[in-house]
């Protein structure tokens, strides 16, 4: 929230699109701060949780594909578009990334901000990182691993979620598009975005080196 305010400014009255909103936590917090928020995701189960648990009069949740933004929204509708949580790399190839960026550019107002957070695949590939830090609490243990393939633009993301009270294990495997910082900058330039800035976290520390997050700010 501090990161968003730092760039977008006062949130009251701002129109914000949260792409990959999942269960709606961020969208709800933005609405609580006075923004008018649209949260969009492809996962209907997560959106049902958002509608049930994070309902707010200034927050709308929509099932939608981030490749089709111009179908859902008007030109120059939003003051800011957010895409956090490594959502972007679930697209299949760079042409889809370019298409998505063009859609964001269309629905942003002039001077509007596009804020992105993915992982730092420059670092992950350079150091061949095969496992992310384990997330563990009283109720869950979440193991995340990478498997490198033959193509430098893709990797396999394997997850194992242990739900301790139920003695339940849920495993999943998906292919991710490993976007490097240069790829992102080139594709954003092609979509006519300006003022492209990279950071290593939401505190806006310098980008580069051995850190997992990649945070990016650009402007229409």
C-alpha atoms as a PDB file:
ATOM      1  CA  UNK A   1       0.000   0.000   0.000  1.00  0.00           C
ATOM      2  CA  UNK A   2       2.832   2.415   0.808  1.00  0.00           C
ATOM      3  CA  UNK A   3       4.478   1.580  -2.510  1.00  0.00           C
ATOM      4  CA  UNK A   4       1.264   2.285  -4.424  1.00  0.00           C
ATOM      5  CA  UNK A   5       0.648   5.548  -2.591  1.00  0.00           C
ATOM      6  CA  UNK A   6       4.243   6.588  -3.212  1.00  0.00           C
ATOM      7  CA  UNK A   7       3.614   6.556  -6.965  1.00  0.00           C
ATOM      8  CA  UNK A   8      -0.116   6.994  -7.449  1.00  0.00           C
ATOM      9  CA  UNK A   9      -0.507   9.580  -4.681  1.00  0.00           C
ATOM     10  CA  UNK A  10      -3.700  10.027  -2.698  1.00  0.00           C
ATOM     11  CA  UNK A  11      -5.983   7.103  -3.468  1.00  0.00           C
ATOM     12  CA  UNK A  12      -9.333   8.770  -2.784  1.00  0.00           C
ATOM     13  CA  UNK A  13     -11.349   8.867  -5.986  1.00  0.00           C
ATOM     14  CA  UNK A  14      -8.723   7.093  -8.084  1.00  0.00           C
ATOM     15  CA  UNK A  15      -9.832   4.391 -10.516  1.00  0.00           C
ATOM     16  CA  UNK A  16      -7.559   1.346 -10.105  1.00  0.00           C
ATOM     17  CA  UNK A  17      -7.473  -2.014 -11.881  1.00  0.00           C
ATOM     18  CA  UNK A  18      -5.944  -4.952  -9.966  1.00  0.00           C
ATOM     19  CA  UNK A  19      -5.060  -7.718 -12.442  1.00  0.00           C
ATOM     20  CA  UNK A  20      -4.733 -11.134 -10.790  1.00  0.00           C
ATOM     21  CA  UNK A  21      -6.561  -9.959  -7.672  1.00  0.00           C
ATOM     22  CA  UNK A  22      -7.048 -13.526  -6.296  1.00  0.00           C
ATOM     23  CA  UNK A  23      -8.978 -13.383  -2.996  1.00  0.00           C
ATOM     24  CA  UNK A  24      -9.215  -9.583  -3.113  1.00  0.00           C
ATOM     25  CA  UNK A  25      -7.077  -8.520  -0.158  1.00  0.00           C
ATOM     26  CA  UNK A  26      -5.214  -5.744  -1.974  1.00  0.00           C
ATOM     27  CA  UNK A  27      -8.299  -4.571  -3.863  1.00  0.00           C
ATOM     28  CA  UNK A  28     -10.193  -4.321  -0.570  1.00  0.00           C
ATOM     29  CA  UNK A  29      -7.417  -2.324   1.114  1.00  0.00           C
ATOM     30  CA  UNK A  30      -7.333   0.082  -1.838  1.00  0.00           C
ATOM     31  CA  UNK A  31     -11.101   0.544  -1.644  1.00  0.00           C
ATOM     32  CA  UNK A  32     -10.845   1.110   2.108  1.00  0.00           C
ATOM     33  CA  UNK A  33      -8.440   3.956   1.280  1.00  0.00           C
ATOM     34  CA  UNK A  34     -10.979   5.627  -1.011  1.00  0.00           C
ATOM     35  CA  UNK A  35     -10.106   4.211  -4.440  1.00  0.00           C
ATOM     36  CA  UNK A  36     -12.687   2.789  -6.831  1.00  0.00           C
ATOM     37  CA  UNK A  37     -11.247  -0.632  -7.606  1.00  0.00           C
ATOM     38  CA  UNK A  38     -11.865  -3.361 -10.150  1.00  0.00           C
ATOM     39  CA  UNK A  39     -10.284  -6.685  -9.238  1.00  0.00           C
ATOM     40  CA  UNK A  40      -9.900  -9.127 -12.127  1.00  0.00           C
ATOM     41  CA  UNK A  41      -8.866 -12.776 -12.154  1.00  0.00           C
ATOM     42  CA  UNK A  42      -9.443 -15.929 -14.210  1.00  0.00           C
ATOM     43  CA  UNK A  43      -9.869 -18.125 -11.129  1.00  0.00           C
ATOM     44  CA  UNK A  44     -13.572 -18.147 -10.287  1.00  0.00           C
ATOM     45  CA  UNK A  45     -13.056 -19.956  -6.966  1.00  0.00           C
ATOM     46  CA  UNK A  46     -10.717 -17.227  -5.726  1.00  0.00           C
ATOM     47  CA  UNK A  47     -13.111 -14.519  -6.920  1.00  0.00           C
ATOM     48  CA  UNK A  48     -15.980 -16.139  -5.022  1.00  0.00           C
ATOM     49  CA  UNK A  49     -13.870 -15.876  -1.874  1.00  0.00           C
ATOM     50  CA  UNK A  50     -13.159 -12.230  -2.697  1.00  0.00           C
ATOM     51  CA  UNK A  51     -16.845 -11.443  -3.177  1.00  0.00           C
ATOM     52  CA  UNK A  52     -17.747 -13.216   0.057  1.00  0.00           C
ATOM     53  CA  UNK A  53     -14.948 -12.008   2.344  1.00  0.00           C
ATOM     54  CA  UNK A  54     -13.767  -8.699   0.825  1.00  0.00           C
ATOM     55  CA  UNK A  55     -16.999  -7.069  -0.300  1.00  0.00           C
ATOM     56  CA  UNK A  56     -16.877  -3.264  -0.466  1.00  0.00           C
ATOM     57  CA  UNK A  57     -19.172  -0.751  -2.209  1.00  0.00           C
ATOM     58  CA  UNK A  58     -16.208   0.685  -4.144  1.00  0.00           C
ATOM     59  CA  UNK A  59     -14.783  -2.684  -5.153  1.00  0.00           C
ATOM     60  CA  UNK A  60     -15.964  -4.785  -8.122  1.00  0.00           C
ATOM     61  CA  UNK A  61     -14.682  -8.289  -8.818  1.00  0.00           C
ATOM     62  CA  UNK A  62     -14.670  -9.545 -12.402  1.00  0.00           C
ATOM     63  CA  UNK A  63     -13.848 -12.866 -14.070  1.00  0.00           C
ATOM     64  CA  UNK A  64     -11.644 -11.851 -16.970  1.00  0.00           C
ATOM     65  CA  UNK A  65      -8.555 -12.518 -19.065  1.00  0.00           C
ATOM     66  CA  UNK A  66      -5.733  -9.962 -18.912  1.00  0.00           C
ATOM     67  CA  UNK A  67      -5.264 -10.378 -22.671  1.00  0.00           C
ATOM     68  CA  UNK A  68      -8.706  -8.864 -23.315  1.00  0.00           C
ATOM     69  CA  UNK A  69      -8.609  -5.629 -21.306  1.00  0.00           C
ATOM     70  CA  UNK A  70      -9.965  -3.515 -24.167  1.00  0.00           C
ATOM     71  CA  UNK A  71     -13.079  -5.743 -24.291  1.00  0.00           C
ATOM     72  CA  UNK A  72     -13.913  -5.134 -20.639  1.00  0.00           C
ATOM     73  CA  UNK A  73     -12.910  -1.517 -20.086  1.00  0.00           C
ATOM     74  CA  UNK A  74     -13.106   1.884 -21.734  1.00  0.00           C
ATOM     75  CA  UNK A  75     -10.133   3.717 -23.178  1.00  0.00           C
ATOM     76  CA  UNK A  76      -8.378   5.850 -20.531  1.00  0.00           C
ATOM     77  CA  UNK A  77     -10.576   4.438 -17.727  1.00  0.00           C
ATOM     78  CA  UNK A  78      -7.967   3.895 -14.986  1.00  0.00           C
ATOM     79  CA  UNK A  79      -5.520   6.079 -13.081  1.00  0.00           C
ATOM     80  CA  UNK A  80      -3.393   3.009 -12.278  1.00  0.00           C
ATOM     81  CA  UNK A  81      -3.148  -0.644 -13.266  1.00  0.00           C
ATOM     82  CA  UNK A  82      -1.522  -3.166 -10.911  1.00  0.00           C
ATOM     83  CA  UNK A  83      -0.263  -6.648 -11.745  1.00  0.00           C
ATOM     84  CA  UNK A  84       1.382  -8.195  -8.675  1.00  0.00           C
ATOM     85  CA  UNK A  85       2.019 -11.700  -7.327  1.00  0.00           C
ATOM     86  CA  UNK A  86       3.998 -13.072 -10.319  1.00  0.00           C
ATOM     87  CA  UNK A  87       0.742 -13.059 -12.293  1.00  0.00           C
ATOM     88  CA  UNK A  88       2.276 -11.804 -15.533  1.00  0.00           C
ATOM     89  CA  UNK A  89       4.487 -14.848 -16.144  1.00  0.00           C
ATOM     90  CA  UNK A  90       1.474 -17.152 -16.470  1.00  0.00           C
ATOM     91  CA  UNK A  91       1.099 -15.872 -20.032  1.00  0.00           C
ATOM     92  CA  UNK A  92       2.574 -18.281 -22.552  1.00  0.00           C
ATOM     93  CA  UNK A  93       4.927 -16.214 -24.717  1.00  0.00           C
ATOM     94  CA  UNK A  94       6.281 -12.720 -25.287  1.00  0.00           C
ATOM     95  CA  UNK A  95       3.722 -11.846 -27.952  1.00  0.00           C
ATOM     96  CA  UNK A  96       1.001 -12.283 -25.329  1.00  0.00           C
ATOM     97  CA  UNK A  97       2.968 -10.051 -22.957  1.00  0.00           C
ATOM     98  CA  UNK A  98       3.147  -7.373 -25.653  1.00  0.00           C
ATOM     99  CA  UNK A  99      -0.604  -7.734 -26.276  1.00  0.00           C
ATOM    100  CA  UNK A 100      -1.337  -7.400 -22.564  1.00  0.00           C
ATOM    101  CA  UNK A 101       0.897  -4.306 -22.266  1.00  0.00           C
ATOM    102  CA  UNK A 102      -0.889  -2.674 -25.191  1.00  0.00           C
ATOM    103  CA  UNK A 103      -4.209  -3.360 -23.479  1.00  0.00           C
ATOM    104  CA  UNK A 104      -2.977  -1.774 -20.260  1.00  0.00           C
ATOM    105  CA  UNK A 105      -1.745   1.257 -22.201  1.00  0.00           C
ATOM    106  CA  UNK A 106      -5.182   1.629 -23.792  1.00  0.00           C
ATOM    107  CA  UNK A 107      -7.179   1.536 -20.533  1.00  0.00           C
ATOM    108  CA  UNK A 108      -4.792   3.852 -18.642  1.00  0.00           C
ATOM    109  CA  UNK A 109      -5.362   7.577 -18.497  1.00  0.00           C
ATOM    110  CA  UNK A 110      -2.545   9.787 -19.838  1.00  0.00           C
ATOM    111  CA  UNK A 111       0.061   9.986 -17.082  1.00  0.00           C
ATOM    112  CA  UNK A 112      -1.355   6.870 -15.408  1.00  0.00           C
ATOM    113  CA  UNK A 113       0.892   4.317 -13.726  1.00  0.00           C
ATOM    114  CA  UNK A 114       1.407   0.634 -14.508  1.00  0.00           C
ATOM    115  CA  UNK A 115       2.924  -1.223 -11.529  1.00  0.00           C
ATOM    116  CA  UNK A 116       4.256  -4.780 -11.879  1.00  0.00           C
ATOM    117  CA  UNK A 117       5.737  -7.326  -9.481  1.00  0.00           C
ATOM    118  CA  UNK A 118       7.173 -10.653 -10.626  1.00  0.00           C
ATOM    119  CA  UNK A 119      10.270 -12.610  -9.626  1.00  0.00           C
ATOM    120  CA  UNK A 120      13.789 -11.704 -10.688  1.00  0.00           C
ATOM    121  CA  UNK A 121      14.393 -14.308 -13.400  1.00  0.00           C
ATOM    122  CA  UNK A 122      17.747 -12.721 -14.264  1.00  0.00           C
ATOM    123  CA  UNK A 123      18.943 -13.954 -10.866  1.00  0.00           C
ATOM    124  CA  UNK A 124      16.995 -17.240 -10.891  1.00  0.00           C
ATOM    125  CA  UNK A 125      18.529 -18.336 -14.206  1.00  0.00           C
ATOM    126  CA  UNK A 126      22.010 -16.996 -13.517  1.00  0.00           C
ATOM    127  CA  UNK A 127      22.262 -18.866 -10.216  1.00  0.00           C
ATOM    128  CA  UNK A 128      20.024 -21.784 -11.273  1.00  0.00           C
ATOM    129  CA  UNK A 129      17.742 -21.339  -8.260  1.00  0.00           C
ATOM    130  CA  UNK A 130      15.753 -24.554  -7.900  1.00  0.00           C
ATOM    131  CA  UNK A 131      13.790 -23.849  -4.700  1.00  0.00           C
ATOM    132  CA  UNK A 132      12.189 -20.754  -3.215  1.00  0.00           C
ATOM    133  CA  UNK A 133      12.053 -20.174   0.567  1.00  0.00           C
ATOM    134  CA  UNK A 134       9.533 -22.431   2.299  1.00  0.00           C
ATOM    135  CA  UNK A 135       6.439 -20.680   3.647  1.00  0.00           C
ATOM    136  CA  UNK A 136       5.302 -22.288   6.891  1.00  0.00           C
ATOM    137  CA  UNK A 137       2.800 -21.455   9.614  1.00  0.00           C
ATOM    138  CA  UNK A 138       0.883 -23.340  12.259  1.00  0.00           C
ATOM    139  CA  UNK A 139      -1.601 -24.571   9.651  1.00  0.00           C
ATOM    140  CA  UNK A 140       0.289 -24.871   6.372  1.00  0.00           C
ATOM    141  CA  UNK A 141       3.631 -25.643   4.791  1.00  0.00           C
ATOM    142  CA  UNK A 142       4.180 -24.432   1.219  1.00  0.00           C
ATOM    143  CA  UNK A 143       7.112 -25.786  -0.813  1.00  0.00           C
ATOM    144  CA  UNK A 144       7.954 -24.151  -4.182  1.00  0.00           C
ATOM    145  CA  UNK A 145      10.490 -25.554  -6.643  1.00  0.00           C
ATOM    146  CA  UNK A 146      11.715 -24.738 -10.141  1.00  0.00           C
ATOM    147  CA  UNK A 147      12.704 -27.209 -12.844  1.00  0.00           C
ATOM    148  CA  UNK A 148      14.683 -25.798 -15.775  1.00  0.00           C
ATOM    149  CA  UNK A 149      13.835 -26.955 -19.282  1.00  0.00           C
ATOM    150  CA  UNK A 150      15.628 -26.762 -22.611  1.00  0.00           C
ATOM    151  CA  UNK A 151      14.199 -23.355 -23.487  1.00  0.00           C
ATOM    152  CA  UNK A 152      15.673 -20.337 -21.700  1.00  0.00           C
ATOM    153  CA  UNK A 153      12.332 -18.509 -21.671  1.00  0.00           C
ATOM    154  CA  UNK A 154      10.440 -21.147 -19.700  1.00  0.00           C
ATOM    155  CA  UNK A 155      10.637 -23.130 -16.499  1.00  0.00           C
ATOM    156  CA  UNK A 156       8.400 -25.513 -14.597  1.00  0.00           C
ATOM    157  CA  UNK A 157       7.002 -24.310 -11.269  1.00  0.00           C
ATOM    158  CA  UNK A 158       6.198 -27.133  -8.856  1.00  0.00           C
ATOM    159  CA  UNK A 159       4.250 -26.501  -5.651  1.00  0.00           C
ATOM    160  CA  UNK A 160       3.418 -28.721  -2.681  1.00  0.00           C
ATOM    161  CA  UNK A 161       0.951 -27.388  -0.110  1.00  0.00           C
ATOM    162  CA  UNK A 162       0.581 -29.303   3.166  1.00  0.00           C
ATOM    163  CA  UNK A 163      -2.555 -28.431   5.148  1.00  0.00           C
ATOM    164  CA  UNK A 164      -1.579 -29.583   8.608  1.00  0.00           C
ATOM    165  CA  UNK A 165      -4.959 -29.778  10.422  1.00  0.00           C
ATOM    166  CA  UNK A 166      -6.409 -31.926   7.610  1.00  0.00           C
ATOM    167  CA  UNK A 167      -3.217 -33.937   6.953  1.00  0.00           C
ATOM    168  CA  UNK A 168      -3.814 -32.997   3.313  1.00  0.00           C
ATOM    169  CA  UNK A 169      -1.278 -32.467   0.517  1.00  0.00           C
ATOM    170  CA  UNK A 170      -2.018 -30.557  -2.697  1.00  0.00           C
ATOM    171  CA  UNK A 171       0.571 -30.661  -5.478  1.00  0.00           C
ATOM    172  CA  UNK A 172       0.609 -28.664  -8.691  1.00  0.00           C
ATOM    173  CA  UNK A 173       2.891 -28.078 -11.669  1.00  0.00           C
ATOM    174  CA  UNK A 174       2.711 -25.276 -14.207  1.00  0.00           C
ATOM    175  CA  UNK A 175       4.914 -23.751 -16.886  1.00  0.00           C
ATOM    176  CA  UNK A 176       5.982 -20.131 -16.404  1.00  0.00           C
ATOM    177  CA  UNK A 177       7.375 -17.598 -18.854  1.00  0.00           C
ATOM    178  CA  UNK A 178      10.644 -16.488 -17.276  1.00  0.00           C
ATOM    179  CA  UNK A 179      10.683 -12.809 -18.224  1.00  0.00           C
ATOM    180  CA  UNK A 180      14.053 -11.122 -17.806  1.00  0.00           C
ATOM    181  CA  UNK A 181      14.370  -7.412 -17.038  1.00  0.00           C
ATOM    182  CA  UNK A 182      15.563  -6.633 -20.575  1.00  0.00           C
ATOM    183  CA  UNK A 183      12.551  -8.452 -22.055  1.00  0.00           C
ATOM    184  CA  UNK A 184      10.207  -6.437 -19.867  1.00  0.00           C
ATOM    185  CA  UNK A 185      11.808  -3.127 -20.774  1.00  0.00           C
ATOM    186  CA  UNK A 186      11.804  -3.896 -24.502  1.00  0.00           C
ATOM    187  CA  UNK A 187       8.156  -4.974 -24.499  1.00  0.00           C
ATOM    188  CA  UNK A 188       7.067  -1.940 -22.466  1.00  0.00           C
ATOM    189  CA  UNK A 189       8.929   0.329 -24.861  1.00  0.00           C
ATOM    190  CA  UNK A 190       7.139  -1.326 -27.778  1.00  0.00           C
ATOM    191  CA  UNK A 191       3.824  -0.531 -26.050  1.00  0.00           C
ATOM    192  CA  UNK A 192       4.948   3.143 -25.727  1.00  0.00           C
ATOM    193  CA  UNK A 193       5.349   3.186 -21.939  1.00  0.00           C
ATOM    194  CA  UNK A 194       7.804   5.701 -20.498  1.00  0.00           C
ATOM    195  CA  UNK A 195       9.725   6.306 -17.247  1.00  0.00           C
ATOM    196  CA  UNK A 196      10.438   2.583 -16.784  1.00  0.00           C
ATOM    197  CA  UNK A 197      12.061   1.926 -13.396  1.00  0.00           C
ATOM    198  CA  UNK A 198      13.154  -1.385 -11.812  1.00  0.00           C
ATOM    199  CA  UNK A 199      13.464  -2.106  -8.079  1.00  0.00           C
ATOM    200  CA  UNK A 200      14.365  -5.095  -5.936  1.00  0.00           C
ATOM    201  CA  UNK A 201      11.330  -4.791  -3.630  1.00  0.00           C
ATOM    202  CA  UNK A 202       8.348  -2.625  -2.697  1.00  0.00           C
ATOM    203  CA  UNK A 203      10.650  -0.442  -0.579  1.00  0.00           C
ATOM    204  CA  UNK A 204      12.150   0.634  -3.933  1.00  0.00           C
ATOM    205  CA  UNK A 205      15.691  -0.550  -3.224  1.00  0.00           C
ATOM    206  CA  UNK A 206      18.028  -0.719  -6.229  1.00  0.00           C
ATOM    207  CA  UNK A 207      17.510  -3.513  -8.746  1.00  0.00           C
ATOM    208  CA  UNK A 208      20.287  -5.946  -9.620  1.00  0.00           C
ATOM    209  CA  UNK A 209      22.064  -8.742  -7.828  1.00  0.00           C
ATOM    210  CA  UNK A 210      20.898 -11.678  -5.739  1.00  0.00           C
ATOM    211  CA  UNK A 211      17.311 -10.875  -4.824  1.00  0.00           C
ATOM    212  CA  UNK A 212      14.107 -12.687  -5.699  1.00  0.00           C
ATOM    213  CA  UNK A 213      11.564  -9.887  -6.280  1.00  0.00           C
ATOM    214  CA  UNK A 214      11.433  -7.674  -9.350  1.00  0.00           C
ATOM    215  CA  UNK A 215       9.257  -4.577  -8.987  1.00  0.00           C
ATOM    216  CA  UNK A 216       8.654  -2.279 -11.935  1.00  0.00           C
ATOM    217  CA  UNK A 217       7.039   1.118 -12.379  1.00  0.00           C
ATOM    218  CA  UNK A 218       6.202   2.761 -15.700  1.00  0.00           C
ATOM    219  CA  UNK A 219       3.916   5.475 -16.960  1.00  0.00           C
ATOM    220  CA  UNK A 220       1.711   6.218 -19.942  1.00  0.00           C
END
